[in-house]
Amino acid sequence: MSRFTTFILFNIFAYFAYWAIDRLFTLFGWYSNPKLGEDLMVMPTNSDIWLIVINVIFSTTIAYYLLHKIKETYRL
């Protein structure tokens, strides 16, 4: 698999993992304001920033794991 293909797949996996985790955080109501991310006038609090950092770490880890499993399964 070329480096460009690997880069694109990693970013696609990370995007969908981030989206799913963000929807989960919104469903549980963990963000301070439900309009966070939709309205530019809403400022995130410290707890919102920590949730975003946790989301980035989890989504990056999930994307790396999925990409590794694809490479391992298909021996690319």
PDB file of N, CA and C in Angstrom:
ATOM      1  N   MET A   1       0.848  -1.157   0.000  1.00  0.00           N
ATOM      2  CA  MET A   1       0.000   0.000   0.000  1.00  0.00           C
ATOM      3  C   MET A   1       0.902   1.231   0.000  1.00  0.00           C
ATOM      4  N   SER A   2       0.582   2.179  -0.863  1.00  0.00           N
ATOM      5  CA  SER A   2       1.419   3.369  -0.945  1.00  0.00           C
ATOM      6  C   SER A   2       1.216   4.259   0.274  1.00  0.00           C
ATOM      7  N   ARG A   3       2.146   5.151   0.469  1.00  0.00           N
ATOM      8  CA  ARG A   3       2.062   6.041   1.625  1.00  0.00           C
ATOM      9  C   ARG A   3       0.865   6.976   1.512  1.00  0.00           C
ATOM     10  N   PHE A   4       0.542   7.394   0.291  1.00  0.00           N
ATOM     11  CA  PHE A   4      -0.606   8.274   0.101  1.00  0.00           C
ATOM     12  C   PHE A   4      -1.907   7.556   0.461  1.00  0.00           C
ATOM     13  N   THR A   5      -2.047   6.302   0.033  1.00  0.00           N
ATOM     14  CA  THR A   5      -3.235   5.522   0.357  1.00  0.00           C
ATOM     15  C   THR A   5      -3.342   5.305   1.865  1.00  0.00           C
ATOM     16  N   THR A   6      -2.227   5.023   2.498  1.00  0.00           N
ATOM     17  CA  THR A   6      -2.202   4.848   3.942  1.00  0.00           C
ATOM     18  C   THR A   6      -2.642   6.136   4.646  1.00  0.00           C
ATOM     19  N   PHE A   7      -2.144   7.257   4.167  1.00  0.00           N
ATOM     20  CA  PHE A   7      -2.503   8.560   4.739  1.00  0.00           C
ATOM     21  C   PHE A   7      -4.002   8.834   4.600  1.00  0.00           C
ATOM     22  N   ILE A   8      -4.553   8.569   3.431  1.00  0.00           N
ATOM     23  CA  ILE A   8      -5.980   8.806   3.196  1.00  0.00           C
ATOM     24  C   ILE A   8      -6.833   7.886   4.065  1.00  0.00           C
ATOM     25  N   LEU A   9      -6.491   6.601   4.106  1.00  0.00           N
ATOM     26  CA  LEU A   9      -7.260   5.663   4.928  1.00  0.00           C
ATOM     27  C   LEU A   9      -7.210   6.027   6.407  1.00  0.00           C
ATOM     28  N   PHE A  10      -6.026   6.407   6.883  1.00  0.00           N
ATOM     29  CA  PHE A  10      -5.900   6.790   8.289  1.00  0.00           C
ATOM     30  C   PHE A  10      -6.803   7.979   8.601  1.00  0.00           C
ATOM     31  N   ASN A  11      -6.813   8.971   7.735  1.00  0.00           N
ATOM     32  CA  ASN A  11      -7.635  10.153   7.980  1.00  0.00           C
ATOM     33  C   ASN A  11      -9.127   9.850   7.892  1.00  0.00           C
ATOM     34  N   ILE A  12      -9.521   8.967   7.008  1.00  0.00           N
ATOM     35  CA  ILE A  12     -10.929   8.576   6.923  1.00  0.00           C
ATOM     36  C   ILE A  12     -11.348   7.846   8.192  1.00  0.00           C
ATOM     37  N   PHE A  13     -10.535   6.903   8.651  1.00  0.00           N
ATOM     38  CA  PHE A  13     -10.841   6.172   9.878  1.00  0.00           C
ATOM     39  C   PHE A  13     -10.886   7.119  11.083  1.00  0.00           C
ATOM     40  N   ALA A  14      -9.931   8.035  11.163  1.00  0.00           N
ATOM     41  CA  ALA A  14      -9.896   8.973  12.283  1.00  0.00           C
ATOM     42  C   ALA A  14     -11.111   9.890  12.271  1.00  0.00           C
ATOM     43  N   TYR A  15     -11.523  10.323  11.084  1.00  0.00           N
ATOM     44  CA  TYR A  15     -12.692  11.197  10.992  1.00  0.00           C
ATOM     45  C   TYR A  15     -13.949  10.497  11.481  1.00  0.00           C
ATOM     46  N   PHE A  16     -14.186   9.279  11.018  1.00  0.00           N
ATOM     47  CA  PHE A  16     -15.397   8.570  11.421  1.00  0.00           C
ATOM     48  C   PHE A  16     -15.362   8.174  12.897  1.00  0.00           C
ATOM     49  N   ALA A  17     -14.190   7.843  13.422  1.00  0.00           N
ATOM     50  CA  ALA A  17     -14.086   7.533  14.847  1.00  0.00           C
ATOM     51  C   ALA A  17     -14.346   8.792  15.673  1.00  0.00           C
ATOM     52  N   TYR A  18     -13.798   9.932  15.249  1.00  0.00           N
ATOM     53  CA  TYR A  18     -14.034  11.186  15.957  1.00  0.00           C
ATOM     54  C   TYR A  18     -15.516  11.550  15.932  1.00  0.00           C
ATOM     55  N   TRP A  19     -16.137  11.386  14.781  1.00  0.00           N
ATOM     56  CA  TRP A  19     -17.555  11.699  14.631  1.00  0.00           C
ATOM     57  C   TRP A  19     -18.402  10.832  15.570  1.00  0.00           C
ATOM     58  N   ALA A  20     -18.107   9.534  15.610  1.00  0.00           N
ATOM     59  CA  ALA A  20     -18.881   8.613  16.443  1.00  0.00           C
ATOM     60  C   ALA A  20     -18.710   8.935  17.935  1.00  0.00           C
ATOM     61  N   ILE A  21     -17.491   9.195  18.360  1.00  0.00           N
ATOM     62  CA  ILE A  21     -17.249   9.522  19.769  1.00  0.00           C
ATOM     63  C   ILE A  21     -17.884  10.860  20.127  1.00  0.00           C
ATOM     64  N   ASP A  22     -17.832  11.823  19.207  1.00  0.00           N
ATOM     65  CA  ASP A  22     -18.459  13.118  19.442  1.00  0.00           C
ATOM     66  C   ASP A  22     -19.970  12.981  19.598  1.00  0.00           C
ATOM     67  N   ARG A  23     -20.581  12.135  18.785  1.00  0.00           N
ATOM     68  CA  ARG A  23     -22.022  11.895  18.909  1.00  0.00           C
ATOM     69  C   ARG A  23     -22.347  11.227  20.247  1.00  0.00           C
ATOM     70  N   LEU A  24     -21.473  10.351  20.689  1.00  0.00           N
ATOM     71  CA  LEU A  24     -21.661   9.687  21.980  1.00  0.00           C
ATOM     72  C   LEU A  24     -21.576  10.697  23.128  1.00  0.00           C
ATOM     73  N   PHE A  25     -20.595  11.594  23.079  1.00  0.00           N
ATOM     74  CA  PHE A  25     -20.469  12.631  24.105  1.00  0.00           C
ATOM     75  C   PHE A  25     -21.688  13.554  24.095  1.00  0.00           C
ATOM     76  N   THR A  26     -22.190  13.868  22.911  1.00  0.00           N
ATOM     77  CA  THR A  26     -23.372  14.721  22.801  1.00  0.00           C
ATOM     78  C   THR A  26     -24.607  14.004  23.327  1.00  0.00           C
ATOM     79  N   LEU A  27     -24.728  12.721  23.033  1.00  0.00           N
ATOM     80  CA  LEU A  27     -25.863  11.937  23.503  1.00  0.00           C
ATOM     81  C   LEU A  27     -25.922  11.896  25.029  1.00  0.00           C
ATOM     82  N   PHE A  28     -24.777  11.727  25.652  1.00  0.00           N
ATOM     83  CA  PHE A  28     -24.730  11.682  27.112  1.00  0.00           C
ATOM     84  C   PHE A  28     -24.824  13.065  27.751  1.00  0.00           C
ATOM     85  N   GLY A  29     -24.719  14.113  26.935  1.00  0.00           N
ATOM     86  CA  GLY A  29     -24.828  15.476  27.445  1.00  0.00           C
ATOM     87  C   GLY A  29     -23.624  15.929  28.236  1.00  0.00           C
ATOM     88  N   TRP A  30     -22.450  15.468  27.859  1.00  0.00           N
ATOM     89  CA  TRP A  30     -21.239  15.805  28.597  1.00  0.00           C
ATOM     90  C   TRP A  30     -20.682  17.165  28.231  1.00  0.00           C
ATOM     91  N   TYR A  31     -21.061  17.724  27.085  1.00  0.00           N
ATOM     92  CA  TYR A  31     -20.594  19.058  26.712  1.00  0.00           C
ATOM     93  C   TYR A  31     -21.386  20.099  27.496  1.00  0.00           C
ATOM     94  N   SER A  32     -20.768  21.229  27.752  1.00  0.00           N
ATOM     95  CA  SER A  32     -21.411  22.259  28.561  1.00  0.00           C
ATOM     96  C   SER A  32     -22.564  22.942  27.826  1.00  0.00           C
ATOM     97  N   ASN A  33     -22.513  22.973  26.513  1.00  0.00           N
ATOM     98  CA  ASN A  33     -23.547  23.629  25.724  1.00  0.00           C
ATOM     99  C   ASN A  33     -23.870  22.743  24.522  1.00  0.00           C
ATOM    100  N   PRO A  34     -25.135  22.470  24.258  1.00  0.00           N
ATOM    101  CA  PRO A  34     -25.467  21.595  23.119  1.00  0.00           C
ATOM    102  C   PRO A  34     -25.130  22.207  21.757  1.00  0.00           C
ATOM    103  N   LYS A  35     -24.929  23.515  21.688  1.00  0.00           N
ATOM    104  CA  LYS A  35     -24.597  24.156  20.418  1.00  0.00           C
ATOM    105  C   LYS A  35     -23.087  24.229  20.167  1.00  0.00           C
ATOM    106  N   LEU A  36     -22.309  23.611  21.030  1.00  0.00           N
ATOM    107  CA  LEU A  36     -20.858  23.620  20.869  1.00  0.00           C
ATOM    108  C   LEU A  36     -20.491  22.927  19.564  1.00  0.00           C
ATOM    109  N   GLY A  37     -19.724  23.597  18.743  1.00  0.00           N
ATOM    110  CA  GLY A  37     -19.328  23.059  17.449  1.00  0.00           C
ATOM    111  C   GLY A  37     -20.247  23.475  16.315  1.00  0.00           C
ATOM    112  N   GLU A  38     -21.413  23.991  16.637  1.00  0.00           N
ATOM    113  CA  GLU A  38     -22.350  24.452  15.619  1.00  0.00           C
ATOM    114  C   GLU A  38     -22.366  25.970  15.512  1.00  0.00           C
ATOM    115  N   ASP A  39     -22.215  26.655  16.644  1.00  0.00           N
ATOM    116  CA  ASP A  39     -22.247  28.109  16.687  1.00  0.00           C
ATOM    117  C   ASP A  39     -20.871  28.616  17.084  1.00  0.00           C
ATOM    118  N   LEU A  40     -20.303  29.523  16.299  1.00  0.00           N
ATOM    119  CA  LEU A  40     -18.961  30.028  16.580  1.00  0.00           C
ATOM    120  C   LEU A  40     -18.908  30.942  17.799  1.00  0.00           C
ATOM    121  N   MET A  41     -20.046  31.413  18.272  1.00  0.00           N
ATOM    122  CA  MET A  41     -20.079  32.295  19.430  1.00  0.00           C
ATOM    123  C   MET A  41     -20.004  31.523  20.747  1.00  0.00           C
ATOM    124  N   VAL A  42     -20.156  30.217  20.710  1.00  0.00           N
ATOM    125  CA  VAL A  42     -20.108  29.399  21.927  1.00  0.00           C
ATOM    126  C   VAL A  42     -18.654  29.035  22.210  1.00  0.00           C
ATOM    127  N   MET A  43     -18.187  29.428  23.376  1.00  0.00           N
ATOM    128  CA  MET A  43     -16.811  29.140  23.774  1.00  0.00           C
ATOM    129  C   MET A  43     -16.783  27.860  24.616  1.00  0.00           C
ATOM    130  N   PRO A  44     -15.840  26.956  24.327  1.00  0.00           N
ATOM    131  CA  PRO A  44     -15.761  25.733  25.131  1.00  0.00           C
ATOM    132  C   PRO A  44     -15.157  26.012  26.507  1.00  0.00           C
ATOM    133  N   THR A  45     -15.611  25.266  27.474  1.00  0.00           N
ATOM    134  CA  THR A  45     -15.051  25.373  28.824  1.00  0.00           C
ATOM    135  C   THR A  45     -13.840  24.439  28.921  1.00  0.00           C
ATOM    136  N   ASN A  46     -13.193  24.441  30.069  1.00  0.00           N
ATOM    137  CA  ASN A  46     -12.034  23.557  30.269  1.00  0.00           C
ATOM    138  C   ASN A  46     -12.436  22.095  30.156  1.00  0.00           C
ATOM    139  N   SER A  47     -13.597  21.731  30.675  1.00  0.00           N
ATOM    140  CA  SER A  47     -14.029  20.342  30.581  1.00  0.00           C
ATOM    141  C   SER A  47     -14.329  19.962  29.128  1.00  0.00           C
ATOM    142  N   ASP A  48     -14.857  20.908  28.341  1.00  0.00           N
ATOM    143  CA  ASP A  48     -15.097  20.635  26.921  1.00  0.00           C
ATOM    144  C   ASP A  48     -13.784  20.401  26.174  1.00  0.00           C
ATOM    145  N   ILE A  49     -12.788  21.185  26.501  1.00  0.00           N
ATOM    146  CA  ILE A  49     -11.482  21.026  25.845  1.00  0.00           C
ATOM    147  C   ILE A  49     -10.877  19.674  26.195  1.00  0.00           C
ATOM    148  N   TRP A  50     -11.031  19.245  27.450  1.00  0.00           N
ATOM    149  CA  TRP A  50     -10.526  17.926  27.835  1.00  0.00           C
ATOM    150  C   TRP A  50     -11.264  16.805  27.111  1.00  0.00           C
ATOM    151  N   LEU A  51     -12.575  16.963  26.929  1.00  0.00           N
ATOM    152  CA  LEU A  51     -13.328  15.960  26.171  1.00  0.00           C
ATOM    153  C   LEU A  51     -12.866  15.905  24.717  1.00  0.00           C
ATOM    154  N   ILE A  52     -12.555  17.049  24.141  1.00  0.00           N
ATOM    155  CA  ILE A  52     -12.065  17.090  22.765  1.00  0.00           C
ATOM    156  C   ILE A  52     -10.700  16.423  22.668  1.00  0.00           C
ATOM    157  N   VAL A  53      -9.830  16.677  23.639  1.00  0.00           N
ATOM    158  CA  VAL A  53      -8.500  16.047  23.642  1.00  0.00           C
ATOM    159  C   VAL A  53      -8.627  14.534  23.787  1.00  0.00           C
ATOM    160  N   ILE A  54      -9.500  14.092  24.663  1.00  0.00           N
ATOM    161  CA  ILE A  54      -9.727  12.657  24.836  1.00  0.00           C
ATOM    162  C   ILE A  54     -10.271  12.052  23.548  1.00  0.00           C
ATOM    163  N   ASN A  55     -11.172  12.756  22.893  1.00  0.00           N
ATOM    164  CA  ASN A  55     -11.738  12.286  21.632  1.00  0.00           C
ATOM    165  C   ASN A  55     -10.652  12.164  20.566  1.00  0.00           C
ATOM    166  N   VAL A  56      -9.767  13.135  20.475  1.00  0.00           N
ATOM    167  CA  VAL A  56      -8.680  13.081  19.487  1.00  0.00           C
ATOM    168  C   VAL A  56      -7.766  11.892  19.763  1.00  0.00           C
ATOM    169  N   ILE A  57      -7.441  11.660  21.023  1.00  0.00           N
ATOM    170  CA  ILE A  57      -6.564  10.536  21.377  1.00  0.00           C
ATOM    171  C   ILE A  57      -7.232   9.204  21.038  1.00  0.00           C
ATOM    172  N   PHE A  58      -8.493   9.043  21.427  1.00  0.00           N
ATOM    173  CA  PHE A  58      -9.207   7.793  21.131  1.00  0.00           C
ATOM    174  C   PHE A  58      -9.372   7.572  19.631  1.00  0.00           C
ATOM    175  N   SER A  59      -9.752   8.608  18.899  1.00  0.00           N
ATOM    176  CA  SER A  59      -9.982   8.430  17.468  1.00  0.00           C
ATOM    177  C   SER A  59      -8.677   8.148  16.725  1.00  0.00           C
ATOM    178  N   THR A  60      -7.582   8.751  17.153  1.00  0.00           N
ATOM    179  CA  THR A  60      -6.280   8.461  16.544  1.00  0.00           C
ATOM    180  C   THR A  60      -5.868   7.025  16.824  1.00  0.00           C
ATOM    181  N   THR A  61      -6.074   6.565  18.051  1.00  0.00           N
ATOM    182  CA  THR A  61      -5.729   5.196  18.413  1.00  0.00           C
ATOM    183  C   THR A  61      -6.580   4.186  17.642  1.00  0.00           C
ATOM    184  N   ILE A  62      -7.868   4.459  17.522  1.00  0.00           N
ATOM    185  CA  ILE A  62      -8.758   3.568  16.769  1.00  0.00           C
ATOM    186  C   ILE A  62      -8.359   3.522  15.303  1.00  0.00           C
ATOM    187  N   ALA A  63      -8.049   4.666  14.720  1.00  0.00           N
ATOM    188  CA  ALA A  63      -7.655   4.712  13.311  1.00  0.00           C
ATOM    189  C   ALA A  63      -6.348   3.954  13.082  1.00  0.00           C
ATOM    190  N   TYR A  64      -5.389   4.126  13.984  1.00  0.00           N
ATOM    191  CA  TYR A  64      -4.127   3.412  13.855  1.00  0.00           C
ATOM    192  C   TYR A  64      -4.347   1.904  13.967  1.00  0.00           C
ATOM    193  N   TYR A  65      -5.183   1.486  14.913  1.00  0.00           N
ATOM    194  CA  TYR A  65      -5.471   0.059  15.090  1.00  0.00           C
ATOM    195  C   TYR A  65      -6.136  -0.526  13.849  1.00  0.00           C
ATOM    196  N   LEU A  66      -7.140   0.157  13.312  1.00  0.00           N
ATOM    197  CA  LEU A  66      -7.826  -0.337  12.111  1.00  0.00           C
ATOM    198  C   LEU A  66      -6.880  -0.427  10.920  1.00  0.00           C
ATOM    199  N   LEU A  67      -6.046   0.586  10.748  1.00  0.00           N
ATOM    200  CA  LEU A  67      -5.093   0.573   9.639  1.00  0.00           C
ATOM    201  C   LEU A  67      -4.083  -0.563   9.799  1.00  0.00           C
ATOM    202  N   HIS A  68      -3.629  -0.780  11.024  1.00  0.00           N
ATOM    203  CA  HIS A  68      -2.698  -1.877  11.296  1.00  0.00           C
ATOM    204  C   HIS A  68      -3.348  -3.229  11.008  1.00  0.00           C
ATOM    205  N   LYS A  69      -4.620  -3.389  11.410  1.00  0.00           N
ATOM    206  CA  LYS A  69      -5.319  -4.650  11.156  1.00  0.00           C
ATOM    207  C   LYS A  69      -5.528  -4.895   9.665  1.00  0.00           C
ATOM    208  N   ILE A  70      -5.819  -3.854   8.909  1.00  0.00           N
ATOM    209  CA  ILE A  70      -5.977  -4.006   7.459  1.00  0.00           C
ATOM    210  C   ILE A  70      -4.663  -4.411   6.828  1.00  0.00           C
ATOM    211  N   LYS A  71      -3.579  -3.763   7.221  1.00  0.00           N
ATOM    212  CA  LYS A  71      -2.270  -4.125   6.668  1.00  0.00           C
ATOM    213  C   LYS A  71      -1.883  -5.540   7.047  1.00  0.00           C
ATOM    214  N   GLU A  72      -2.194  -5.941   8.278  1.00  0.00           N
ATOM    215  CA  GLU A  72      -1.847  -7.281   8.749  1.00  0.00           C
ATOM    216  C   GLU A  72      -2.696  -8.348   8.059  1.00  0.00           C
ATOM    217  N   THR A  73      -3.976  -8.067   7.872  1.00  0.00           N
ATOM    218  CA  THR A  73      -4.889  -9.042   7.274  1.00  0.00           C
ATOM    219  C   THR A  73      -4.559  -9.291   5.805  1.00  0.00           C
ATOM    220  N   TYR A  74      -4.318  -8.208   5.083  1.00  0.00           N
ATOM    221  CA  TYR A  74      -4.064  -8.329   3.646  1.00  0.00           C
ATOM    222  C   TYR A  74      -2.585  -8.348   3.302  1.00  0.00           C
ATOM    223  N   ARG A  75      -1.726  -8.281   4.317  1.00  0.00           N
ATOM    224  CA  ARG A  75      -0.273  -8.306   4.144  1.00  0.00           C
ATOM    225  C   ARG A  75       0.196  -7.298   3.111  1.00  0.00           C
ATOM    226  N   LEU A  76      -0.210  -6.046   3.338  1.00  0.00           N
ATOM    227  CA  LEU A  76       0.145  -4.971   2.408  1.00  0.00           C
ATOM    228  C   LEU A  76       1.382  -4.243   2.868  1.00  0.00           C
TER     229      LEU A  76
END
